[in-house]
Structures are given as structure tokens and as C-alpha cells.
Amino acid sequence: MPRTAVVSLQETFHNSLGMIVQCIDVCPEHLWLKQFGGWPVWQHIYHALSAVDFFVMQEGDSPTQALFSHAVSSLSEVSSGTPTREELKKTATEVKGAADRYFAGLTDASLKEKNEGLSSRMPQPATHASTAAMLTAHTLYHLGSCDAALREHGLRGVF
């Protein structure tokens, strides 16, 4: 079965995830803990990473990580703790693996099919194509918050 579209969607996600990792590397300590949009920069990154499970987990799958509570990962509360950059980079590697396993199970033809796992967690059904789009868009949205924090302080962004 052809996988041209699937591979393209997967590469787009990899690009967005790569920029998140780059942000982990370049964000100075004084911004790492500073709140933008209600949460510290690191928590935007953690949220973007932990949300990968939300998009790609299927029935019977286990979450790939859990450094913090669901309330912290879902941006329902500001964390009292702070992860190390190494912990977040390890999380990025783990969720990339989860996303890659998800993409590996898709073909171009299956993109139009319902994603049962995500659909069970959303108020409306989602196809595999919309899942891939939301996965990348969500990652880039939170990367934008982090990038704005960098630029607002006179630093070069990662975009």
C-alpha cells in the first residue's frame, strides 16, 4: 500500500518535534521558568510532548511517559516542580517513538479512516489524516509560545 502522504505527514511532525527539542536546548534558564500564556516555558514544552499520547494512543496502549500529573500535562495547573532539560529531551524521544509506531500502522488509504483511539477522547470523530494535522499543529502552537518568549527577550527564535 502506498505511504507517500503518511511519510510526508510524519516528516512534518518530526520537523515540529525537532524545533521543540531545539527550544529545549536554546532557552536560557531565566526564561525556562518564566510564565508566558499562564505557564512556564518548560510546561508548554512538556504539554506539547505529553499531548502526543492524546493524539496517537489506541485502545490498549500505555502512555509513553508521565513525569508529572495529568493536571500539569494538560495545563490545568502550574507545576510546583521543574523537569531537567535531559528529562524533557528523553520524553521527546519517547513520544517520537510512539508517534512513529502510530504512523507505521497507516497507509495513504487509511488516512481517511476514523482514528478510534483519538475519537474516543474527542467530542467529535477524528480521521487519521486529521490526527496527523492536529498533532503537528498542536506542537507548533506551543512552540510558538516558547518562540515568542525567546524573541520578546531579544533572543533568536527557533522558527
Foldseek 3Di string as FASTA:
>chain_A
DAAPVLVVLLVLLVVLLVQLLVLLVPPDPVQQQDDFPLEGLVLLSLLLLQCLCLLQPDPPDDRQDDPDDPCSSPVVDYDPDDDRSVVSVVSSVSSSVSVVVSSVPDHPVQQQPWRRRNCVVDPHTDGNVVSSVCSSVSSVVSLVRSQVSQVVVVHHGSD
